[in-house]
Amino acid sequence: MDIPLPDPNLTTSDVLDALQASGKLLREWGHAIDGTPMLAARAGGDKQPAIFITAGSHAIEPAGVYAALNLLQMLDTEHEVHVLPLRDPLGFAGTNCCLSFAGGHEVEVHDHRAALDYLSAHGELIWREGEMRVFKLGDAGFIWNTPMPGYRSFRSAHSRMLSLTRENPDVLKPLWNTSVIILCPMMGVDGCGEMQRCWHSVLSAKGEWLHLNRFFGRDDAPPEVAAVDRLMQTVRPGLTCDLHECNEEGFWMPLHTPEKIPEQVVVDMARAYFDYIHARGYPVTTYEEWLAMQRAFPIGNPPGRNRSEPGVPEAFWSNVLQTGEGHNLGSYASLFGIGFDT
């Protein structure tokens, strides 16, 4: 299998080409909203329980996508393995692909300001606060925000949408039951150039602000999540590894309490994981540092709904269901075995 060198600039086409060239048995578990097949490769042996490796639910985290493709090539195990490396092919393909899908014809703009001009000319302005704007274009929503260094522009837009849908839900009612794309010009972030990636969220039929690592176990799941859910229900993996990216910080990990396995097994596995990271000199983020980051930009599970793990300072026990957003993949995987988000 010809895996590209560690290049953060992988495209959706690169990922699909790598899967096709792998020589592995491929199974299509569904389609993304734009029709792109949700493909997983079968590797390993026949021993049960199966292992599931996946990435790319957040398109601004390309490192996990590359790592999943690399593991497909390198992993040596007797266990049955399924690798689905890209869970948001539309957002991963970038601004022009998202605008083209929503507009119903090919759109080509060359920078973030031109994307705003296009949305202003062809879309309907739903809401504005300062420089941040929300548009409706075709059957999708788009969020435009001023570029900022690092992840600040994205975090600002994401956290504001999260608070807006809870404080004043009727504002975004024209976009309920709709995919909503955050245009993500993250200055200085490898693999997330000005037009390169978009964050794919969904406003549910009840106005909830969710994204493609939510909705698991729900009947209203968007097609990307429904495809992964179908794999989970069929394969019932004993170990699920959902690969994310650190977003300017060091490695950290939420832990999920499994239904049929002692918590200590999860702790021991997490400790081995971080022993490996420490041995190679990679940076880590402690639970206290994670709390400070979440308080500055609340984009997910509120800090008060987690508890630290004394045996692994870089990890914490997460109570995802208390947010009212349904399972993320890591917590959903705990119904079948052990689920790790990295």
Protein backbone atom coordinates (compact mmCIF):
# COMPACT_ATOMS: atom_id res chain seq x y z
CA MET A 1 0.00 0.00 0.00
CA ASP A 2 1.44 3.39 -1.00
CA ILE A 3 0.78 5.70 1.95
CA PRO A 4 1.81 9.34 1.36
CA LEU A 5 4.66 10.73 3.41
CA PRO A 6 3.56 12.57 6.58
CA ASP A 7 1.84 15.38 4.73
CA PRO A 8 -0.86 17.44 6.47
CA ASN A 9 -2.18 18.47 3.06
CA LEU A 10 -3.95 15.17 2.32
CA THR A 11 -7.13 15.64 0.32
CA THR A 12 -10.34 13.63 0.30
CA SER A 13 -9.29 12.20 -3.07
CA ASP A 14 -5.91 11.18 -1.63
CA VAL A 15 -7.63 9.24 1.15
CA LEU A 16 -10.00 7.42 -1.21
CA ASP A 17 -7.12 6.65 -3.59
CA ALA A 18 -5.03 5.22 -0.73
CA LEU A 19 -7.89 2.96 0.33
CA GLN A 20 -8.42 1.71 -3.21
CA ALA A 21 -4.67 1.09 -3.61
CA SER A 22 -4.35 -0.76 -0.29
CA GLY A 23 -5.33 -4.14 -1.66
CA LYS A 24 -7.57 -4.61 1.38
CA LEU A 25 -11.20 -5.64 1.22
CA LEU A 26 -13.28 -2.46 1.24
CA ARG A 27 -16.83 -2.13 2.47
CA GLU A 28 -19.10 0.82 1.86
CA TRP A 29 -21.11 1.56 5.01
CA GLY A 30 -23.09 4.46 3.56
CA HIS A 31 -22.56 7.83 1.93
CA ALA A 32 -21.69 11.32 3.14
CA ILE A 33 -24.17 14.11 2.54
CA ASP A 34 -22.47 14.94 -0.78
CA GLY A 35 -22.57 11.31 -1.96
CA THR A 36 -18.95 10.40 -1.15
CA PRO A 37 -18.77 6.73 -0.07
CA MET A 38 -17.98 6.03 3.58
CA LEU A 39 -15.36 3.32 3.08
CA ALA A 40 -13.68 1.09 5.63
CA ALA A 41 -10.84 -1.32 4.90
CA ARG A 42 -10.69 -4.80 6.44
CA ALA A 43 -7.28 -5.82 7.80
CA GLY A 44 -5.78 -8.12 10.45
CA GLY A 45 -6.90 -11.69 11.05
CA ASP A 46 -10.14 -13.30 12.15
CA LYS A 47 -9.75 -13.23 15.95
CA GLN A 48 -12.55 -11.60 17.90
CA PRO A 49 -13.39 -9.12 19.26
CA ALA A 50 -12.71 -6.79 16.36
CA ILE A 51 -10.75 -3.54 16.46
CA PHE A 52 -12.11 -0.37 14.87
CA ILE A 53 -9.78 2.51 13.93
CA THR A 54 -11.26 5.73 12.61
CA ALA A 55 -10.56 9.45 12.22
CA GLY A 56 -11.63 12.57 10.41
CA SER A 57 -14.94 13.40 12.10
CA HIS A 58 -13.44 16.88 12.50
CA ALA A 59 -11.92 17.89 9.17
CA ILE A 60 -9.54 20.38 10.81
CA GLU A 61 -7.65 17.43 12.36
CA PRO A 62 -5.82 15.83 9.42
CA ALA A 63 -3.15 14.12 11.57
CA GLY A 64 -5.63 11.44 12.63
CA VAL A 65 -6.59 10.71 9.04
CA TYR A 66 -2.97 10.18 8.09
CA ALA A 67 -2.38 8.05 11.19
CA ALA A 68 -5.38 5.82 10.38
CA LEU A 69 -4.06 5.19 6.87
CA ASN A 70 -0.61 4.48 8.28
CA LEU A 71 -2.01 2.00 10.81
CA LEU A 72 -3.84 0.21 8.01
CA GLN A 73 -0.44 -0.43 6.45
CA MET A 74 1.56 -1.16 9.60
CA LEU A 75 -0.72 -2.81 12.16
CA ASP A 76 0.14 -6.47 12.77
CA THR A 77 -2.52 -8.32 14.76
CA GLU A 78 -4.51 -11.54 14.69
CA HIS A 79 -7.66 -9.58 15.51
CA GLU A 80 -10.12 -8.50 12.84
CA VAL A 81 -9.50 -4.81 12.09
CA HIS A 82 -11.68 -2.24 10.35
CA VAL A 83 -10.20 1.14 9.37
CA LEU A 84 -12.47 4.00 8.32
CA PRO A 85 -10.02 6.92 8.01
CA LEU A 86 -12.28 9.82 6.99
CA ARG A 87 -15.69 10.52 8.54
CA ASP A 88 -16.28 13.97 7.03
CA PRO A 89 -15.19 13.87 3.38
CA LEU A 90 -17.05 17.08 2.49
CA GLY A 91 -15.51 19.25 5.21
CA PHE A 92 -12.09 17.70 4.57
CA ALA A 93 -12.35 18.74 0.90
CA GLY A 94 -12.48 22.42 1.87
CA THR A 95 -14.32 25.66 1.23
CA ASN A 96 -14.88 25.45 -2.52
CA CYS A 97 -16.25 21.90 -2.33
CA CYS A 98 -18.65 22.90 0.46
CA LEU A 99 -19.84 26.00 -1.41
CA SER A 100 -20.22 24.00 -4.63
CA PHE A 101 -22.28 21.32 -2.88
CA ALA A 102 -24.59 23.87 -1.27
CA GLY A 103 -24.87 26.08 -4.33
CA GLY A 104 -25.57 23.23 -6.73
CA HIS A 105 -22.83 24.23 -9.18
CA GLU A 106 -19.05 24.54 -9.20
CA VAL A 107 -17.79 27.44 -7.09
CA GLU A 108 -14.18 28.57 -7.08
CA VAL A 109 -13.12 31.40 -4.81
CA HIS A 110 -9.51 31.98 -3.92
CA ASP A 111 -9.46 33.31 -0.37
CA HIS A 112 -11.54 33.68 2.77
CA ARG A 113 -12.68 37.23 1.94
CA ALA A 114 -13.87 36.08 -1.50
CA ALA A 115 -15.88 33.34 0.21
CA LEU A 116 -17.64 36.04 2.24
CA ASP A 117 -18.33 38.01 -0.94
CA TYR A 118 -19.82 34.90 -2.56
CA LEU A 119 -22.04 34.13 0.43
CA SER A 120 -23.15 37.77 0.66
CA ALA A 121 -24.12 37.77 -3.02
CA HIS A 122 -25.75 34.32 -3.24
CA GLY A 123 -26.82 33.39 0.29
CA GLU A 124 -29.30 34.66 2.85
CA LEU A 125 -27.84 36.38 5.91
CA ILE A 126 -29.39 34.73 8.98
CA TRP A 127 -27.45 36.34 11.83
CA ARG A 128 -24.54 38.68 12.43
CA GLU A 129 -22.53 39.66 15.49
CA GLY A 130 -19.50 41.84 14.87
CA GLU A 131 -17.57 40.25 12.01
CA MET A 132 -19.11 36.80 12.54
CA ARG A 133 -21.92 35.97 10.09
CA VAL A 134 -24.26 33.04 9.48
CA PHE A 135 -25.67 32.47 5.98
CA LYS A 136 -28.05 30.01 4.40
CA LEU A 137 -26.99 28.83 0.94
CA GLY A 138 -29.15 26.21 -0.72
CA ASP A 139 -29.85 23.53 1.88
CA ALA A 140 -26.81 24.29 4.05
CA GLY A 141 -25.68 26.93 6.49
CA PHE A 142 -22.29 28.65 6.52
CA ILE A 143 -20.48 30.49 9.31
CA TRP A 144 -17.90 33.10 8.35
CA ASN A 145 -15.55 34.58 10.94
CA THR A 146 -12.50 36.82 10.77
CA PRO A 147 -9.24 34.84 10.40
CA MET A 148 -7.17 34.66 13.58
CA PRO A 149 -3.91 32.92 14.49
CA GLY A 150 -4.14 29.23 15.31
CA TYR A 151 -7.52 27.83 16.26
CA ARG A 152 -8.99 31.06 17.66
CA SER A 153 -11.26 31.85 14.72
CA PHE A 154 -12.76 28.36 14.73
CA ARG A 155 -13.08 28.15 18.52
CA SER A 156 -14.74 31.55 18.64
CA ALA A 157 -17.34 30.57 16.03
CA HIS A 158 -17.98 27.11 17.49
CA SER A 159 -18.41 28.27 21.09
CA ARG A 160 -20.65 31.17 20.02
CA MET A 161 -22.95 28.85 18.07
CA LEU A 162 -23.09 26.50 21.05
CA SER A 163 -24.15 29.31 23.37
CA LEU A 164 -26.50 30.92 20.83
CA THR A 165 -28.49 27.74 20.26
CA ARG A 166 -29.01 27.44 24.01
CA GLU A 167 -29.69 31.09 24.83
CA ASN A 168 -31.66 32.23 21.76
CA PRO A 169 -32.51 29.14 19.67
CA ASP A 170 -35.06 30.83 17.40
CA VAL A 171 -32.33 32.95 15.78
CA LEU A 172 -31.03 29.96 13.85
CA LYS A 173 -34.40 28.29 13.27
CA PRO A 174 -34.12 28.64 9.43
CA LEU A 175 -31.19 26.21 9.66
CA TRP A 176 -32.74 23.55 11.89
CA ASN A 177 -32.32 20.03 10.51
CA THR A 178 -29.52 21.35 8.27
CA SER A 179 -25.78 20.89 7.86
CA VAL A 180 -23.93 24.02 8.97
CA ILE A 181 -20.35 24.55 7.79
CA ILE A 182 -17.79 26.67 9.65
CA LEU A 183 -15.25 28.10 7.21
CA CYS A 184 -11.95 27.60 9.05
CA PRO A 185 -9.03 29.83 8.00
CA MET A 186 -6.61 28.86 10.76
CA MET A 187 -3.48 30.93 10.28
CA GLY A 188 -0.26 29.04 10.90
CA VAL A 189 -1.85 25.60 11.39
CA ASP A 190 -0.36 22.85 9.21
CA GLY A 191 -2.96 21.19 7.01
CA CYS A 192 -5.63 23.83 7.70
CA GLY A 193 -4.87 26.61 5.26
CA GLU A 194 -7.19 29.44 4.38
CA MET A 195 -9.43 27.38 2.08
CA GLN A 196 -8.35 23.87 3.00
CA ARG A 197 -10.77 22.52 5.64
CA CYS A 198 -14.25 23.19 6.99
CA TRP A 199 -15.92 22.07 10.21
CA HIS A 200 -19.18 20.21 9.57
CA SER A 201 -21.86 20.67 12.22
CA VAL A 202 -25.58 19.99 12.12
CA LEU A 203 -28.47 21.83 13.70
CA SER A 204 -30.90 19.10 14.69
CA ALA A 205 -34.66 19.31 14.12
CA LYS A 206 -34.84 20.59 17.71
CA GLY A 207 -32.19 23.26 17.16
CA GLU A 208 -29.29 21.45 18.90
CA TRP A 209 -25.80 22.43 17.76
CA LEU A 210 -24.07 19.11 17.12
CA HIS A 211 -21.21 17.87 14.99
CA LEU A 212 -20.14 14.65 13.30
CA ASN A 213 -18.76 13.15 16.50
CA ARG A 214 -22.22 13.33 18.05
CA PHE A 215 -25.64 11.82 17.21
CA PHE A 216 -24.57 8.19 17.90
CA GLY A 217 -27.51 6.01 18.87
CA ARG A 218 -29.97 8.61 17.58
CA ASP A 219 -32.55 8.13 14.81
CA ASP A 220 -31.86 11.62 13.45
CA ALA A 221 -28.16 11.01 12.81
CA PRO A 222 -26.79 12.60 9.62
CA PRO A 223 -25.65 10.11 6.96
CA GLU A 224 -21.96 10.26 7.93
CA VAL A 225 -22.74 9.29 11.52
CA ALA A 226 -25.36 6.73 10.49
CA ALA A 227 -22.73 4.97 8.35
CA VAL A 228 -20.34 4.64 11.29
CA ASP A 229 -23.20 3.56 13.54
CA ARG A 230 -24.04 0.82 11.02
CA LEU A 231 -20.44 -0.41 11.19
CA MET A 232 -20.49 -0.38 14.99
CA GLN A 233 -23.73 -2.35 15.21
CA THR A 234 -22.46 -4.92 12.69
CA VAL A 235 -18.84 -5.33 13.83
CA ARG A 236 -19.41 -4.70 17.58
CA PRO A 237 -15.72 -3.87 18.19
CA GLY A 238 -14.04 -4.73 21.45
CA LEU A 239 -11.66 -1.78 21.00
CA THR A 240 -12.41 1.47 19.17
CA CYS A 241 -9.70 4.08 18.60
CA ASP A 242 -11.02 7.42 17.34
CA LEU A 243 -8.01 9.50 16.27
CA HIS A 244 -8.21 13.25 16.75
CA GLU A 245 -5.64 16.05 16.82
CA CYS A 246 -4.32 18.03 19.77
CA ASN A 247 -5.30 21.54 18.64
CA GLU A 248 -2.16 23.43 19.74
CA GLU A 249 -1.88 21.56 23.05
CA GLY A 250 -0.28 18.26 24.07
CA PHE A 251 -1.89 14.82 24.07
CA TRP A 252 -4.83 14.23 26.41
CA MET A 253 -7.56 11.64 26.53
CA PRO A 254 -11.15 11.39 27.78
CA LEU A 255 -11.98 7.98 29.25
CA HIS A 256 -15.37 6.29 28.99
CA THR A 257 -16.71 3.76 31.48
CA PRO A 258 -17.31 0.45 29.67
CA GLU A 259 -20.47 -1.52 30.40
CA LYS A 260 -18.91 -4.97 30.82
CA ILE A 261 -15.20 -4.34 31.47
CA PRO A 262 -13.62 -3.14 34.75
CA GLU A 263 -12.55 0.51 34.77
CA GLN A 264 -9.06 -0.53 35.83
CA VAL A 265 -8.53 -2.20 32.44
CA VAL A 266 -9.21 1.15 30.75
CA VAL A 267 -6.83 2.91 33.17
CA ASP A 268 -4.06 0.37 32.52
CA MET A 269 -4.44 0.74 28.75
CA ALA A 270 -4.45 4.55 28.99
CA ARG A 271 -1.33 4.45 31.17
CA ALA A 272 0.46 2.31 28.57
CA TYR A 273 -0.64 4.76 25.88
CA PHE A 274 0.86 7.74 27.72
CA ASP A 275 4.00 5.83 28.69
CA TYR A 276 4.59 5.45 24.96
CA ILE A 277 4.01 9.17 24.35
CA HIS A 278 6.28 10.25 27.22
CA ALA A 279 9.05 7.90 26.06
CA ARG A 280 9.13 9.70 22.72
CA GLY A 281 9.16 13.18 24.20
CA TYR A 282 5.82 14.36 22.86
CA PRO A 283 4.01 17.08 24.82
CA VAL A 284 1.02 16.22 27.00
CA THR A 285 -1.82 18.21 28.55
CA THR A 286 -2.86 17.53 32.14
CA TYR A 287 -6.48 17.51 33.25
CA GLU A 288 -6.01 20.92 34.93
CA GLU A 289 -4.59 22.42 31.74
CA TRP A 290 -7.49 20.96 29.76
CA LEU A 291 -9.96 22.56 32.19
CA ALA A 292 -8.38 25.97 31.62
CA MET A 293 -8.57 25.52 27.85
CA GLN A 294 -12.24 24.51 28.01
CA ARG A 295 -13.16 27.47 30.20
CA ALA A 296 -11.53 29.84 27.73
CA PHE A 297 -13.26 28.31 24.69
CA PRO A 298 -16.14 25.97 25.67
CA ILE A 299 -16.59 23.76 22.61
CA GLY A 300 -17.57 20.42 24.07
CA ASN A 301 -18.25 18.45 27.23
CA PRO A 302 -18.45 21.02 30.10
CA PRO A 303 -15.60 20.72 32.64
CA GLY A 304 -17.96 20.13 35.58
CA ARG A 305 -19.19 16.88 34.03
CA ASN A 306 -15.82 15.13 34.11
CA ARG A 307 -13.60 13.72 36.85
CA SER A 308 -9.86 13.34 36.86
CA GLU A 309 -8.11 9.98 36.86
CA PRO A 310 -5.35 9.94 39.52
CA GLY A 311 -3.48 7.14 37.80
CA VAL A 312 -3.24 9.02 34.48
CA PRO A 313 -2.85 12.81 34.89
CA GLU A 314 -3.33 13.32 31.16
CA ALA A 315 -6.75 11.63 31.15
CA PHE A 316 -10.17 12.12 32.71
CA TRP A 317 -13.45 10.26 32.94
CA SER A 318 -16.00 11.88 30.63
CA ASN A 319 -19.77 11.91 31.14
CA VAL A 320 -20.80 12.76 27.60
CA LEU A 321 -24.46 11.84 27.93
CA GLN A 322 -25.00 14.54 30.56
CA THR A 323 -24.63 17.18 27.85
CA GLY A 324 -27.91 16.06 26.24
CA GLU A 325 -26.20 15.65 22.86
CA GLY A 326 -26.14 11.87 22.74
CA HIS A 327 -23.03 9.72 22.54
CA ASN A 328 -19.80 10.65 20.87
CA LEU A 329 -18.01 7.71 19.28
CA GLY A 330 -15.76 7.04 22.28
CA SER A 331 -18.67 6.77 24.70
CA TYR A 332 -20.80 4.86 22.18
CA ALA A 333 -17.97 2.35 21.78
CA SER A 334 -18.10 1.66 25.53
CA LEU A 335 -21.40 -0.12 24.92
CA PHE A 336 -19.50 -2.72 22.89
CA GLY A 337 -16.08 -2.76 24.53
CA ILE A 338 -13.49 -0.04 25.19
CA GLY A 339 -13.47 3.29 23.36
CA PHE A 340 -10.55 5.73 23.26
CA ASP A 341 -10.59 9.26 21.83
CA THR A 342 -7.06 10.52 21.28
